[in-house]
Amino acid sequence: MSEHRVPAPVVADGEKPKGPASYFPSIEKTYGRPVQAWLDLAADRLDQHPHMEVVAWLKDSHGLGHGHANAIVAYVKAQLAG
């Protein structure tokens, strides 16, 4: 079992990620942290805060753009919903 509640997707060579995960390469390049770090932060925060509050927190506290923050939260929510 993974130590992450929501592990980052594994994309095979030549494949393009779809949906919110399509933002992940840009997120890593833009903010200099692995997407797994952002997924972990969002998963922990979603335990007690609604979607848009977590998006706002990622924007205000960590400097993410709205689209990037929303993609992270949307991906985490979908994975936790199973």
N, C-alpha and C. Protein backbone atom coordinates (compact mmCIF):
# COMPACT_ATOMS: atom_id res chain seq x y z
N MET A 1 0.85 -1.19 0.00
CA MET A 1 0.00 0.00 0.00
C MET A 1 0.89 1.25 0.00
N SER A 2 0.44 2.25 -0.72
CA SER A 2 1.19 3.50 -0.84
C SER A 2 1.11 4.29 0.47
N GLU A 3 2.15 5.08 0.73
CA GLU A 3 2.10 5.95 1.90
C GLU A 3 1.29 7.21 1.62
N HIS A 4 0.88 7.38 0.37
CA HIS A 4 0.08 8.54 -0.02
C HIS A 4 -1.39 8.14 -0.14
N ARG A 5 -2.26 8.97 0.40
CA ARG A 5 -3.70 8.69 0.29
C ARG A 5 -4.15 8.75 -1.16
N VAL A 6 -3.56 9.66 -1.90
CA VAL A 6 -3.87 9.82 -3.32
C VAL A 6 -2.54 9.86 -4.07
N PRO A 7 -2.11 8.71 -4.59
CA PRO A 7 -0.85 8.69 -5.32
C PRO A 7 -0.97 9.41 -6.67
N ALA A 8 0.11 10.03 -7.07
CA ALA A 8 0.15 10.69 -8.38
C ALA A 8 -0.02 9.64 -9.47
N PRO A 9 -0.66 10.01 -10.56
CA PRO A 9 -0.85 9.04 -11.65
C PRO A 9 0.48 8.69 -12.31
N VAL A 10 0.55 7.47 -12.78
CA VAL A 10 1.71 7.02 -13.54
C VAL A 10 1.30 7.06 -15.01
N VAL A 11 2.03 7.82 -15.79
CA VAL A 11 1.70 7.98 -17.21
C VAL A 11 2.78 7.26 -18.02
N ALA A 12 2.35 6.32 -18.86
CA ALA A 12 3.29 5.57 -19.69
C ALA A 12 3.89 6.48 -20.75
N ASP A 13 5.10 6.14 -21.19
CA ASP A 13 5.75 6.91 -22.25
C ASP A 13 4.84 6.96 -23.47
N GLY A 14 4.73 8.15 -24.03
CA GLY A 14 3.91 8.32 -25.21
C GLY A 14 2.45 8.60 -24.93
N GLU A 15 2.02 8.43 -23.69
CA GLU A 15 0.63 8.72 -23.33
C GLU A 15 0.53 10.15 -22.82
N LYS A 16 -0.65 10.73 -23.04
CA LYS A 16 -0.91 12.07 -22.49
C LYS A 16 -1.94 11.92 -21.39
N PRO A 17 -1.67 12.51 -20.22
CA PRO A 17 -2.66 12.43 -19.15
C PRO A 17 -3.94 13.16 -19.56
N LYS A 18 -5.05 12.72 -19.02
CA LYS A 18 -6.34 13.31 -19.34
C LYS A 18 -6.95 13.94 -18.09
N GLY A 19 -7.90 14.83 -18.29
CA GLY A 19 -8.61 15.46 -17.18
C GLY A 19 -7.67 16.33 -16.36
N PRO A 20 -7.95 16.42 -15.05
CA PRO A 20 -7.12 17.28 -14.19
C PRO A 20 -5.64 16.92 -14.24
N ALA A 21 -5.32 15.63 -14.44
CA ALA A 21 -3.92 15.21 -14.46
C ALA A 21 -3.15 15.81 -15.64
N SER A 22 -3.86 16.31 -16.65
CA SER A 22 -3.17 16.92 -17.78
C SER A 22 -2.43 18.19 -17.35
N TYR A 23 -2.81 18.77 -16.23
CA TYR A 23 -2.13 19.96 -15.71
C TYR A 23 -0.86 19.62 -14.93
N PHE A 24 -0.69 18.38 -14.52
CA PHE A 24 0.37 18.04 -13.57
C PHE A 24 1.78 18.34 -14.07
N PRO A 25 2.13 18.04 -15.34
CA PRO A 25 3.49 18.40 -15.78
C PRO A 25 3.76 19.90 -15.68
N SER A 26 2.78 20.70 -16.04
CA SER A 26 2.92 22.15 -15.95
C SER A 26 3.03 22.62 -14.50
N ILE A 27 2.27 21.99 -13.61
CA ILE A 27 2.33 22.34 -12.19
C ILE A 27 3.73 22.08 -11.64
N GLU A 28 4.29 20.92 -11.97
CA GLU A 28 5.64 20.60 -11.48
C GLU A 28 6.66 21.60 -12.03
N LYS A 29 6.55 21.92 -13.30
CA LYS A 29 7.51 22.86 -13.92
C LYS A 29 7.36 24.26 -13.35
N THR A 30 6.13 24.70 -13.17
CA THR A 30 5.87 26.07 -12.74
C THR A 30 6.25 26.31 -11.29
N TYR A 31 5.95 25.34 -10.41
CA TYR A 31 6.11 25.58 -8.97
C TYR A 31 7.28 24.84 -8.35
N GLY A 32 7.98 24.00 -9.14
CA GLY A 32 9.22 23.39 -8.69
C GLY A 32 9.09 22.33 -7.61
N ARG A 33 7.88 21.80 -7.44
CA ARG A 33 7.67 20.72 -6.47
C ARG A 33 6.99 19.57 -7.19
N PRO A 34 7.25 18.34 -6.77
CA PRO A 34 6.55 17.22 -7.40
C PRO A 34 5.04 17.32 -7.16
N VAL A 35 4.27 16.88 -8.12
CA VAL A 35 2.82 16.96 -7.98
C VAL A 35 2.35 16.17 -6.76
N GLN A 36 3.09 15.14 -6.38
CA GLN A 36 2.70 14.35 -5.21
C GLN A 36 2.63 15.22 -3.96
N ALA A 37 3.52 16.19 -3.84
CA ALA A 37 3.50 17.08 -2.68
C ALA A 37 2.19 17.87 -2.64
N TRP A 38 1.75 18.35 -3.79
CA TRP A 38 0.50 19.12 -3.85
C TRP A 38 -0.71 18.21 -3.58
N LEU A 39 -0.67 16.99 -4.10
CA LEU A 39 -1.77 16.05 -3.86
C LEU A 39 -1.88 15.72 -2.38
N ASP A 40 -0.75 15.54 -1.71
CA ASP A 40 -0.76 15.25 -0.28
C ASP A 40 -1.35 16.41 0.52
N LEU A 41 -0.94 17.64 0.17
CA LEU A 41 -1.47 18.81 0.87
C LEU A 41 -2.99 18.90 0.69
N ALA A 42 -3.45 18.73 -0.54
CA ALA A 42 -4.88 18.85 -0.81
C ALA A 42 -5.67 17.73 -0.13
N ALA A 43 -5.15 16.51 -0.14
CA ALA A 43 -5.86 15.39 0.48
C ALA A 43 -6.04 15.63 1.98
N ASP A 44 -5.01 16.13 2.63
CA ASP A 44 -5.11 16.41 4.06
C ASP A 44 -6.10 17.54 4.33
N ARG A 45 -6.07 18.56 3.52
CA ARG A 45 -6.93 19.73 3.73
C ARG A 45 -8.41 19.42 3.44
N LEU A 46 -8.65 18.54 2.47
CA LEU A 46 -10.04 18.22 2.10
C LEU A 46 -10.79 17.47 3.20
N ASP A 47 -10.07 16.96 4.18
CA ASP A 47 -10.74 16.29 5.29
C ASP A 47 -11.67 17.24 6.05
N GLN A 48 -11.32 18.52 6.08
CA GLN A 48 -12.08 19.46 6.90
C GLN A 48 -12.55 20.71 6.16
N HIS A 49 -12.24 20.80 4.87
CA HIS A 49 -12.59 22.00 4.12
C HIS A 49 -13.20 21.63 2.77
N PRO A 50 -14.18 22.41 2.29
CA PRO A 50 -14.77 22.12 0.99
C PRO A 50 -13.82 22.47 -0.17
N HIS A 51 -14.16 21.96 -1.32
CA HIS A 51 -13.36 22.09 -2.54
C HIS A 51 -12.82 23.51 -2.75
N MET A 52 -13.72 24.48 -2.85
CA MET A 52 -13.28 25.83 -3.20
C MET A 52 -12.45 26.49 -2.10
N GLU A 53 -12.64 26.10 -0.86
CA GLU A 53 -11.77 26.62 0.20
C GLU A 53 -10.35 26.07 0.06
N VAL A 54 -10.24 24.82 -0.36
CA VAL A 54 -8.91 24.24 -0.56
C VAL A 54 -8.24 24.90 -1.78
N VAL A 55 -9.02 25.14 -2.83
CA VAL A 55 -8.49 25.85 -4.00
C VAL A 55 -7.97 27.23 -3.56
N ALA A 56 -8.78 27.97 -2.82
CA ALA A 56 -8.36 29.31 -2.36
C ALA A 56 -7.11 29.23 -1.50
N TRP A 57 -7.03 28.22 -0.63
CA TRP A 57 -5.86 28.05 0.24
C TRP A 57 -4.60 27.78 -0.58
N LEU A 58 -4.70 26.92 -1.59
CA LEU A 58 -3.54 26.65 -2.44
C LEU A 58 -3.10 27.92 -3.17
N LYS A 59 -4.06 28.72 -3.60
CA LYS A 59 -3.75 29.97 -4.28
C LYS A 59 -3.12 30.97 -3.32
N ASP A 60 -3.78 31.21 -2.19
CA ASP A 60 -3.35 32.26 -1.27
C ASP A 60 -2.09 31.90 -0.49
N SER A 61 -2.00 30.66 -0.03
CA SER A 61 -0.88 30.26 0.82
C SER A 61 0.32 29.72 0.05
N HIS A 62 0.07 29.22 -1.16
CA HIS A 62 1.15 28.56 -1.90
C HIS A 62 1.41 29.16 -3.27
N GLY A 63 0.60 30.14 -3.68
CA GLY A 63 0.86 30.85 -4.92
C GLY A 63 0.46 30.15 -6.20
N LEU A 64 -0.34 29.09 -6.11
CA LEU A 64 -0.78 28.42 -7.32
C LEU A 64 -1.82 29.25 -8.04
N GLY A 65 -1.86 29.12 -9.36
CA GLY A 65 -2.91 29.74 -10.15
C GLY A 65 -4.22 28.99 -9.94
N HIS A 66 -5.32 29.62 -10.29
CA HIS A 66 -6.62 29.01 -10.05
C HIS A 66 -6.78 27.67 -10.77
N GLY A 67 -6.43 27.62 -12.05
CA GLY A 67 -6.59 26.38 -12.81
C GLY A 67 -5.76 25.24 -12.24
N HIS A 68 -4.54 25.54 -11.84
CA HIS A 68 -3.67 24.52 -11.27
C HIS A 68 -4.20 24.03 -9.92
N ALA A 69 -4.60 24.97 -9.07
CA ALA A 69 -5.14 24.59 -7.76
C ALA A 69 -6.41 23.76 -7.92
N ASN A 70 -7.29 24.18 -8.81
CA ASN A 70 -8.54 23.47 -9.03
C ASN A 70 -8.29 22.06 -9.58
N ALA A 71 -7.31 21.92 -10.47
CA ALA A 71 -6.99 20.61 -11.03
C ALA A 71 -6.52 19.65 -9.94
N ILE A 72 -5.68 20.14 -9.04
CA ILE A 72 -5.19 19.31 -7.94
C ILE A 72 -6.34 18.85 -7.06
N VAL A 73 -7.18 19.79 -6.65
CA VAL A 73 -8.29 19.46 -5.75
C VAL A 73 -9.29 18.53 -6.45
N ALA A 74 -9.60 18.80 -7.70
CA ALA A 74 -10.54 17.95 -8.43
C ALA A 74 -10.01 16.52 -8.55
N TYR A 75 -8.73 16.38 -8.84
CA TYR A 75 -8.13 15.05 -8.96
C TYR A 75 -8.19 14.32 -7.63
N VAL A 76 -7.81 15.00 -6.56
CA VAL A 76 -7.82 14.37 -5.23
C VAL A 76 -9.24 13.95 -4.85
N LYS A 77 -10.20 14.82 -5.06
CA LYS A 77 -11.59 14.48 -4.71
C LYS A 77 -12.08 13.27 -5.49
N ALA A 78 -11.77 13.21 -6.77
CA ALA A 78 -12.20 12.08 -7.59
C ALA A 78 -11.56 10.78 -7.11
N GLN A 79 -10.28 10.83 -6.75
CA GLN A 79 -9.60 9.62 -6.28
C GLN A 79 -10.11 9.18 -4.93
N LEU A 80 -10.39 10.12 -4.04
CA LEU A 80 -10.90 9.75 -2.72
C LEU A 80 -12.32 9.20 -2.80
N ALA A 81 -13.08 9.66 -3.79
CA ALA A 81 -14.46 9.17 -3.98
C ALA A 81 -14.46 7.76 -4.53
N GLY A 82 -13.31 7.36 -5.13
CA GLY A 82 -13.13 6.01 -5.62
C GLY A 82 -13.98 5.69 -6.77
